[in-house]
Amino acid sequence: CGSGLSGDYISEEGHYWVGMDISPAMLDVALEREVEGDLLLADVGHGIPLRPGTFDGCISISAVQWLCNADKKSHSPPKRLYRFFSTLYTALARGSRAVLQLYPENSEQLELITAQAMRAGFTGGMVVDYPNSAKAKKFFLCLFVGTSGTLPKGLGTECASEELHQAKFTNERTRFRNVKGKSVKKSRDWILEKKERRRRQGKEVRADTKYTGRKRRPHF
């Protein structure tokens, strides 16, 4: 929530809000400004520590993409994102929405974020404002809890292709790469790359098949 500037608008619209931020300095500024919402010092990568089903909505401005960074050795971007989305899903009431504006560095990062949101139980998709503009382009992850809603149209999409602002979540498996651009360890892509490296080294490697990288079912 930073210094609470967006919270002021929410208050003006007659809503009650609770804001979270990882920076004590930003929260101190919010206190000095005497914002009307409650403030909480927390790292959203550790989860949303709020009572289940309490909130009717969630708004995030330029924050979610930071969960893709591994600032410590113990940080795992996929795990931190899943922890955030799963606890957010719990904190929201059924039928509520979350709109998360973000600035992904690349398509792999975008896939990583949306995959973890889908895994946590959300439905929805990505809405893009001004997709053909380098400066005005903005990404909004619009999520629904319990029921599937209608995605809004992105601004400036009249001349853009339909696929850009109507991307929906599906039940298909999503492969993604980590923040360093490498395939996730032990994924199918990672195994295929490793086998190709061994072939270039002149080593004997089994042929690739549709079963390569597929996990075996547990034996009873």
C-alpha atoms as a PDB file:
ATOM      1  CA  CYS A   1       0.000   0.000   0.000  1.00  0.00           C
ATOM      2  CA  GLY A   2       3.042   2.301   0.196  1.00  0.00           C
ATOM      3  CA  SER A   3       2.211   5.724   1.611  1.00  0.00           C
ATOM      4  CA  GLY A   4      -1.537   5.164   1.168  1.00  0.00           C
ATOM      5  CA  LEU A   5      -2.180   7.445  -1.829  1.00  0.00           C
ATOM      6  CA  SER A   6      -4.475   4.921  -3.495  1.00  0.00           C
ATOM      7  CA  GLY A   7      -6.076   4.239  -0.128  1.00  0.00           C
ATOM      8  CA  ASP A   8      -7.246   7.863  -0.012  1.00  0.00           C
ATOM      9  CA  TYR A   9      -9.296   7.298  -3.171  1.00  0.00           C
ATOM     10  CA  ILE A  10     -10.754   4.091  -1.739  1.00  0.00           C
ATOM     11  CA  SER A  11     -11.780   5.992   1.393  1.00  0.00           C
ATOM     12  CA  GLU A  12     -13.366   8.774  -0.672  1.00  0.00           C
ATOM     13  CA  GLU A  13     -15.489   6.130  -2.408  1.00  0.00           C
ATOM     14  CA  GLY A  14     -16.849   5.047   0.984  1.00  0.00           C
ATOM     15  CA  HIS A  15     -14.877   1.825   1.439  1.00  0.00           C
ATOM     16  CA  TYR A  16     -12.942   0.535   4.428  1.00  0.00           C
ATOM     17  CA  TRP A  17      -9.485  -0.811   3.661  1.00  0.00           C
ATOM     18  CA  VAL A  18      -6.480  -2.557   5.173  1.00  0.00           C
ATOM     19  CA  GLY A  19      -3.095  -1.920   3.554  1.00  0.00           C
ATOM     20  CA  MET A  20       0.058  -4.058   3.637  1.00  0.00           C
ATOM     21  CA  ASP A  21       3.639  -3.084   2.824  1.00  0.00           C
ATOM     22  CA  ILE A  22       7.094  -4.556   3.377  1.00  0.00           C
ATOM     23  CA  SER A  23       8.682  -1.113   3.905  1.00  0.00           C
ATOM     24  CA  PRO A  24       8.467   0.457   7.405  1.00  0.00           C
ATOM     25  CA  ALA A  25       9.534   3.823   5.936  1.00  0.00           C
ATOM     26  CA  MET A  26       6.585   3.895   3.510  1.00  0.00           C
ATOM     27  CA  LEU A  27       4.163   2.963   6.291  1.00  0.00           C
ATOM     28  CA  ASP A  28       5.610   5.769   8.445  1.00  0.00           C
ATOM     29  CA  VAL A  29       4.738   8.210   5.660  1.00  0.00           C
ATOM     30  CA  ALA A  30       1.207   6.800   5.580  1.00  0.00           C
ATOM     31  CA  LEU A  31       0.914   7.322   9.345  1.00  0.00           C
ATOM     32  CA  GLU A  32       2.126  10.914   9.027  1.00  0.00           C
ATOM     33  CA  ARG A  33      -0.512  11.477   6.345  1.00  0.00           C
ATOM     34  CA  GLU A  34      -3.124  10.081   8.752  1.00  0.00           C
ATOM     35  CA  VAL A  35      -4.708   7.723   6.226  1.00  0.00           C
ATOM     36  CA  GLU A  36      -8.052   6.243   7.210  1.00  0.00           C
ATOM     37  CA  GLY A  37      -7.187   2.606   6.506  1.00  0.00           C
ATOM     38  CA  ASP A  38      -5.450   0.183   8.850  1.00  0.00           C
ATOM     39  CA  LEU A  39      -1.796  -0.530   8.105  1.00  0.00           C
ATOM     40  CA  LEU A  40       0.127  -3.774   8.381  1.00  0.00           C
ATOM     41  CA  LEU A  41       3.883  -4.353   8.081  1.00  0.00           C
ATOM     42  CA  ALA A  42       4.221  -7.631   6.195  1.00  0.00           C
ATOM     43  CA  ASP A  43       5.876  -9.445   3.294  1.00  0.00           C
ATOM     44  CA  VAL A  44       3.093 -10.727   1.026  1.00  0.00           C
ATOM     45  CA  GLY A  45       5.476 -13.501  -0.071  1.00  0.00           C
ATOM     46  CA  HIS A  46       4.901 -14.974   3.397  1.00  0.00           C
ATOM     47  CA  GLY A  47       1.143 -14.893   2.825  1.00  0.00           C
ATOM     48  CA  ILE A  48      -1.842 -12.726   3.751  1.00  0.00           C
ATOM     49  CA  PRO A  49      -2.243 -13.049   7.561  1.00  0.00           C
ATOM     50  CA  LEU A  50      -5.924 -12.065   7.674  1.00  0.00           C
ATOM     51  CA  ARG A  51      -9.097 -13.883   8.667  1.00  0.00           C
ATOM     52  CA  PRO A  52     -10.699 -16.099   5.951  1.00  0.00           C
ATOM     53  CA  GLY A  53     -13.569 -14.632   3.933  1.00  0.00           C
ATOM     54  CA  THR A  54     -13.173 -11.141   5.403  1.00  0.00           C
ATOM     55  CA  PHE A  55     -12.707  -8.970   2.316  1.00  0.00           C
ATOM     56  CA  ASP A  56     -14.875  -8.094  -0.679  1.00  0.00           C
ATOM     57  CA  GLY A  57     -11.950  -7.242  -2.926  1.00  0.00           C
ATOM     58  CA  CYS A  58      -8.229  -6.700  -3.315  1.00  0.00           C
ATOM     59  CA  ILE A  59      -6.296  -4.044  -5.245  1.00  0.00           C
ATOM     60  CA  SER A  60      -2.563  -4.149  -5.853  1.00  0.00           C
ATOM     61  CA  ILE A  61      -0.535  -1.564  -7.766  1.00  0.00           C
ATOM     62  CA  SER A  62       2.883  -2.494  -9.145  1.00  0.00           C
ATOM     63  CA  ALA A  63       3.785  -4.970  -6.390  1.00  0.00           C
ATOM     64  CA  VAL A  64       3.217  -8.581  -7.458  1.00  0.00           C
ATOM     65  CA  GLN A  65       6.143  -8.710  -9.918  1.00  0.00           C
ATOM     66  CA  TRP A  66       8.591  -8.230  -7.018  1.00  0.00           C
ATOM     67  CA  LEU A  67       7.681 -11.715  -5.775  1.00  0.00           C
ATOM     68  CA  CYS A  68       9.451 -13.066  -8.866  1.00  0.00           C
ATOM     69  CA  ASN A  69      12.798 -11.859  -7.464  1.00  0.00           C
ATOM     70  CA  ALA A  70      14.874 -14.140  -5.242  1.00  0.00           C
ATOM     71  CA  ASP A  71      16.351 -11.593  -2.804  1.00  0.00           C
ATOM     72  CA  LYS A  72      17.570 -14.328  -0.423  1.00  0.00           C
ATOM     73  CA  LYS A  73      18.883 -17.859  -0.921  1.00  0.00           C
ATOM     74  CA  SER A  74      15.764 -19.182   0.823  1.00  0.00           C
ATOM     75  CA  HIS A  75      13.431 -17.362  -1.593  1.00  0.00           C
ATOM     76  CA  SER A  76      11.691 -19.478  -4.224  1.00  0.00           C
ATOM     77  CA  PRO A  77       9.590 -17.266  -6.557  1.00  0.00           C
ATOM     78  CA  PRO A  78       7.050 -20.021  -7.422  1.00  0.00           C
ATOM     79  CA  LYS A  79       6.557 -20.878  -3.745  1.00  0.00           C
ATOM     80  CA  ARG A  80       6.286 -17.234  -2.662  1.00  0.00           C
ATOM     81  CA  LEU A  81       3.754 -16.499  -5.417  1.00  0.00           C
ATOM     82  CA  TYR A  82       1.686 -19.563  -4.545  1.00  0.00           C
ATOM     83  CA  ARG A  83       1.763 -18.642  -0.839  1.00  0.00           C
ATOM     84  CA  PHE A  84       0.542 -15.142  -1.710  1.00  0.00           C
ATOM     85  CA  PHE A  85      -2.253 -16.249  -4.052  1.00  0.00           C
ATOM     86  CA  SER A  86      -3.465 -19.152  -1.904  1.00  0.00           C
ATOM     87  CA  THR A  87      -3.763 -17.039   1.262  1.00  0.00           C
ATOM     88  CA  LEU A  88      -5.297 -14.163  -0.728  1.00  0.00           C
ATOM     89  CA  TYR A  89      -7.925 -16.577  -2.070  1.00  0.00           C
ATOM     90  CA  THR A  90      -8.711 -17.602   1.517  1.00  0.00           C
ATOM     91  CA  ALA A  91      -8.971 -14.003   2.775  1.00  0.00           C
ATOM     92  CA  LEU A  92     -11.472 -13.016   0.069  1.00  0.00           C
ATOM     93  CA  ALA A  93     -15.211 -13.705   0.331  1.00  0.00           C
ATOM     94  CA  ARG A  94     -16.843 -15.923  -2.279  1.00  0.00           C
ATOM     95  CA  GLY A  95     -17.827 -13.936  -5.360  1.00  0.00           C
ATOM     96  CA  SER A  96     -15.265 -11.203  -4.705  1.00  0.00           C
ATOM     97  CA  ARG A  97     -12.562  -9.950  -7.079  1.00  0.00           C
ATOM     98  CA  ALA A  98      -8.887  -9.052  -7.024  1.00  0.00           C
ATOM     99  CA  VAL A  99      -7.320  -6.668  -9.546  1.00  0.00           C
ATOM    100  CA  LEU A 100      -3.533  -6.706  -9.527  1.00  0.00           C
ATOM    101  CA  GLN A 101      -1.685  -4.226 -11.742  1.00  0.00           C
ATOM    102  CA  LEU A 102       1.858  -5.370 -12.502  1.00  0.00           C
ATOM    103  CA  TYR A 103       4.895  -4.782 -14.698  1.00  0.00           C
ATOM    104  CA  PRO A 104       6.248  -8.200 -15.761  1.00  0.00           C
ATOM    105  CA  GLU A 105       9.802  -8.212 -17.114  1.00  0.00           C
ATOM    106  CA  ASN A 106       9.035 -10.844 -19.753  1.00  0.00           C
ATOM    107  CA  SER A 107       6.478 -13.407 -20.899  1.00  0.00           C
ATOM    108  CA  GLU A 108       8.017 -16.141 -18.712  1.00  0.00           C
ATOM    109  CA  GLN A 109       7.469 -14.012 -15.619  1.00  0.00           C
ATOM    110  CA  LEU A 110       3.889 -13.383 -16.689  1.00  0.00           C
ATOM    111  CA  GLU A 111       3.299 -17.114 -17.142  1.00  0.00           C
ATOM    112  CA  LEU A 112       4.818 -17.839 -13.731  1.00  0.00           C
ATOM    113  CA  ILE A 113       2.480 -15.371 -11.997  1.00  0.00           C
ATOM    114  CA  THR A 114      -0.700 -16.477 -13.777  1.00  0.00           C
ATOM    115  CA  ALA A 115       0.140 -20.180 -13.298  1.00  0.00           C
ATOM    116  CA  GLN A 116       0.423 -19.781  -9.522  1.00  0.00           C
ATOM    117  CA  ALA A 117      -2.821 -17.761  -9.367  1.00  0.00           C
ATOM    118  CA  MET A 118      -4.630 -20.511 -11.280  1.00  0.00           C
ATOM    119  CA  ARG A 119      -3.106 -23.175  -9.045  1.00  0.00           C
ATOM    120  CA  ALA A 120      -4.427 -21.346  -5.968  1.00  0.00           C
ATOM    121  CA  GLY A 121      -8.009 -21.637  -7.272  1.00  0.00           C
ATOM    122  CA  PHE A 122      -8.635 -18.283  -8.950  1.00  0.00           C
ATOM    123  CA  THR A 123     -10.365 -17.890 -12.298  1.00  0.00           C
ATOM    124  CA  GLY A 124      -9.990 -14.851 -14.538  1.00  0.00           C
ATOM    125  CA  GLY A 125      -7.307 -13.595 -16.873  1.00  0.00           C
ATOM    126  CA  MET A 126      -5.046 -10.803 -18.017  1.00  0.00           C
ATOM    127  CA  VAL A 127      -6.331  -7.447 -19.262  1.00  0.00           C
ATOM    128  CA  VAL A 128      -3.908  -5.178 -21.130  1.00  0.00           C
ATOM    129  CA  ASP A 129      -4.389  -1.420 -21.499  1.00  0.00           C
ATOM    130  CA  TYR A 130      -2.914   0.176 -24.643  1.00  0.00           C
ATOM    131  CA  PRO A 131      -1.164  -3.033 -25.824  1.00  0.00           C
ATOM    132  CA  ASN A 132       0.455  -1.275 -28.799  1.00  0.00           C
ATOM    133  CA  SER A 133       2.024   1.525 -26.729  1.00  0.00           C
ATOM    134  CA  ALA A 134       5.496   1.239 -25.219  1.00  0.00           C
ATOM    135  CA  LYS A 135       4.867   3.830 -22.472  1.00  0.00           C
ATOM    136  CA  ALA A 136       1.158   3.549 -21.662  1.00  0.00           C
ATOM    137  CA  LYS A 137       0.947  -0.263 -21.730  1.00  0.00           C
ATOM    138  CA  LYS A 138      -0.269  -1.741 -18.448  1.00  0.00           C
ATOM    139  CA  PHE A 139      -1.039  -5.296 -17.354  1.00  0.00           C
ATOM    140  CA  PHE A 140      -3.919  -6.104 -14.999  1.00  0.00           C
ATOM    141  CA  LEU A 141      -4.434  -9.582 -13.569  1.00  0.00           C
ATOM    142  CA  CYS A 142      -8.197  -9.750 -12.915  1.00  0.00           C
ATOM    143  CA  LEU A 143      -9.105 -12.631 -10.596  1.00  0.00           C
ATOM    144  CA  PHE A 144     -12.426 -14.035  -9.388  1.00  0.00           C
ATOM    145  CA  VAL A 145     -13.184 -16.102  -6.294  1.00  0.00           C
ATOM    146  CA  GLY A 146     -15.710 -18.916  -6.508  1.00  0.00           C
ATOM    147  CA  THR A 147     -17.480 -17.732  -9.664  1.00  0.00           C
ATOM    148  CA  SER A 148     -16.186 -16.800 -13.093  1.00  0.00           C
ATOM    149  CA  GLY A 149     -16.877 -13.167 -13.963  1.00  0.00           C
ATOM    150  CA  THR A 150     -16.612 -11.245 -17.216  1.00  0.00           C
ATOM    151  CA  LEU A 151     -13.251  -9.660 -17.902  1.00  0.00           C
ATOM    152  CA  PRO A 152     -13.366  -5.926 -18.677  1.00  0.00           C
ATOM    153  CA  LYS A 153     -12.001  -4.640 -21.970  1.00  0.00           C
ATOM    154  CA  GLY A 154      -8.596  -3.032 -21.795  1.00  0.00           C
ATOM    155  CA  LEU A 155      -8.268   0.628 -22.728  1.00  0.00           C
ATOM    156  CA  GLY A 156      -7.010   1.278 -26.236  1.00  0.00           C
ATOM    157  CA  THR A 157      -7.731  -2.253 -27.446  1.00  0.00           C
ATOM    158  CA  GLU A 158     -10.184  -1.295 -30.206  1.00  0.00           C
ATOM    159  CA  CYS A 159      -7.516  -1.904 -32.867  1.00  0.00           C
ATOM    160  CA  ALA A 160      -5.684  -4.678 -31.040  1.00  0.00           C
ATOM    161  CA  SER A 161      -6.232  -8.365 -31.512  1.00  0.00           C
ATOM    162  CA  GLU A 162      -8.927 -10.032 -29.438  1.00  0.00           C
ATOM    163  CA  GLU A 163      -6.505 -12.489 -27.899  1.00  0.00           C
ATOM    164  CA  LEU A 164      -4.550  -9.832 -26.040  1.00  0.00           C
ATOM    165  CA  HIS A 165      -7.253  -8.760 -23.629  1.00  0.00           C
ATOM    166  CA  GLN A 166      -9.335 -11.920 -23.493  1.00  0.00           C
ATOM    167  CA  ALA A 167      -6.711 -14.368 -22.265  1.00  0.00           C
ATOM    168  CA  LYS A 168      -8.423 -16.855 -19.975  1.00  0.00           C
ATOM    169  CA  PHE A 169      -7.089 -19.417 -17.531  1.00  0.00           C
ATOM    170  CA  THR A 170      -7.367 -23.015 -18.714  1.00  0.00           C
ATOM    171  CA  ASN A 171      -6.771 -26.365 -17.079  1.00  0.00           C
ATOM    172  CA  GLU A 172      -3.745 -27.042 -19.300  1.00  0.00           C
ATOM    173  CA  ARG A 173      -0.381 -27.483 -17.662  1.00  0.00           C
ATOM    174  CA  THR A 174       1.763 -24.377 -17.901  1.00  0.00           C
ATOM    175  CA  ARG A 175       5.518 -24.711 -18.293  1.00  0.00           C
ATOM    176  CA  PHE A 176       7.567 -21.766 -17.099  1.00  0.00           C
ATOM    177  CA  ARG A 177      11.138 -20.720 -16.530  1.00  0.00           C
ATOM    178  CA  ASN A 178      12.652 -19.235 -13.402  1.00  0.00           C
ATOM    179  CA  VAL A 179      13.640 -15.581 -13.052  1.00  0.00           C
ATOM    180  CA  LYS A 180      17.111 -16.300 -14.468  1.00  0.00           C
ATOM    181  CA  GLY A 181      15.561 -17.552 -17.705  1.00  0.00           C
ATOM    182  CA  LYS A 182      16.431 -21.202 -17.045  1.00  0.00           C
ATOM    183  CA  SER A 183      13.981 -24.100 -17.160  1.00  0.00           C
ATOM    184  CA  VAL A 184      12.644 -25.202 -13.787  1.00  0.00           C
ATOM    185  CA  LYS A 185      14.722 -28.083 -12.409  1.00  0.00           C
ATOM    186  CA  LYS A 186      13.410 -31.589 -13.239  1.00  0.00           C
ATOM    187  CA  SER A 187      10.773 -30.221 -15.605  1.00  0.00           C
ATOM    188  CA  ARG A 188      10.429 -31.797 -19.068  1.00  0.00           C
ATOM    189  CA  ASP A 189      12.223 -28.840 -20.697  1.00  0.00           C
ATOM    190  CA  TRP A 190      15.067 -29.099 -18.161  1.00  0.00           C
ATOM    191  CA  ILE A 191      15.471 -32.844 -18.835  1.00  0.00           C
ATOM    192  CA  LEU A 192      15.455 -32.371 -22.624  1.00  0.00           C
ATOM    193  CA  GLU A 193      18.097 -29.630 -22.376  1.00  0.00           C
ATOM    194  CA  LYS A 194      20.271 -31.821 -20.154  1.00  0.00           C
ATOM    195  CA  LYS A 195      19.994 -34.771 -22.556  1.00  0.00           C
ATOM    196  CA  GLU A 196      20.933 -32.543 -25.496  1.00  0.00           C
ATOM    197  CA  ARG A 197      24.030 -31.293 -23.623  1.00  0.00           C
ATOM    198  CA  ARG A 198      25.081 -34.898 -22.980  1.00  0.00           C
ATOM    199  CA  ARG A 199      24.611 -35.767 -26.650  1.00  0.00           C
ATOM    200  CA  ARG A 200      26.890 -32.874 -27.642  1.00  0.00           C
ATOM    201  CA  GLN A 201      29.486 -34.276 -25.217  1.00  0.00           C
ATOM    202  CA  GLY A 202      29.377 -37.573 -27.112  1.00  0.00           C
ATOM    203  CA  LYS A 203      27.697 -39.521 -24.312  1.00  0.00           C
ATOM    204  CA  GLU A 204      25.102 -42.236 -24.885  1.00  0.00           C
ATOM    205  CA  VAL A 205      21.609 -40.915 -24.110  1.00  0.00           C
ATOM    206  CA  ARG A 206      18.192 -42.554 -24.411  1.00  0.00           C
ATOM    207  CA  ALA A 207      15.971 -41.325 -27.229  1.00  0.00           C
ATOM    208  CA  ASP A 208      13.338 -38.676 -26.446  1.00  0.00           C
ATOM    209  CA  THR A 209       9.752 -39.954 -26.286  1.00  0.00           C
ATOM    210  CA  LYS A 210       6.373 -38.667 -25.139  1.00  0.00           C
ATOM    211  CA  TYR A 211       7.160 -40.230 -21.748  1.00  0.00           C
ATOM    212  CA  THR A 212      10.341 -38.199 -21.227  1.00  0.00           C
ATOM    213  CA  GLY A 213      10.055 -36.151 -18.039  1.00  0.00           C
ATOM    214  CA  ARG A 214       6.707 -37.666 -17.084  1.00  0.00           C
ATOM    215  CA  LYS A 215       6.420 -38.511 -13.386  1.00  0.00           C
ATOM    216  CA  ARG A 216       5.584 -42.079 -12.437  1.00  0.00           C
ATOM    217  CA  ARG A 217       2.530 -42.808 -10.343  1.00  0.00           C
ATOM    218  CA  PRO A 218       3.231 -43.896  -6.748  1.00  0.00           C
ATOM    219  CA  HIS A 219       3.356 -47.667  -6.153  1.00  0.00           C
ATOM    220  CA  PHE A 220       1.205 -49.170  -3.418  1.00  0.00           C
END
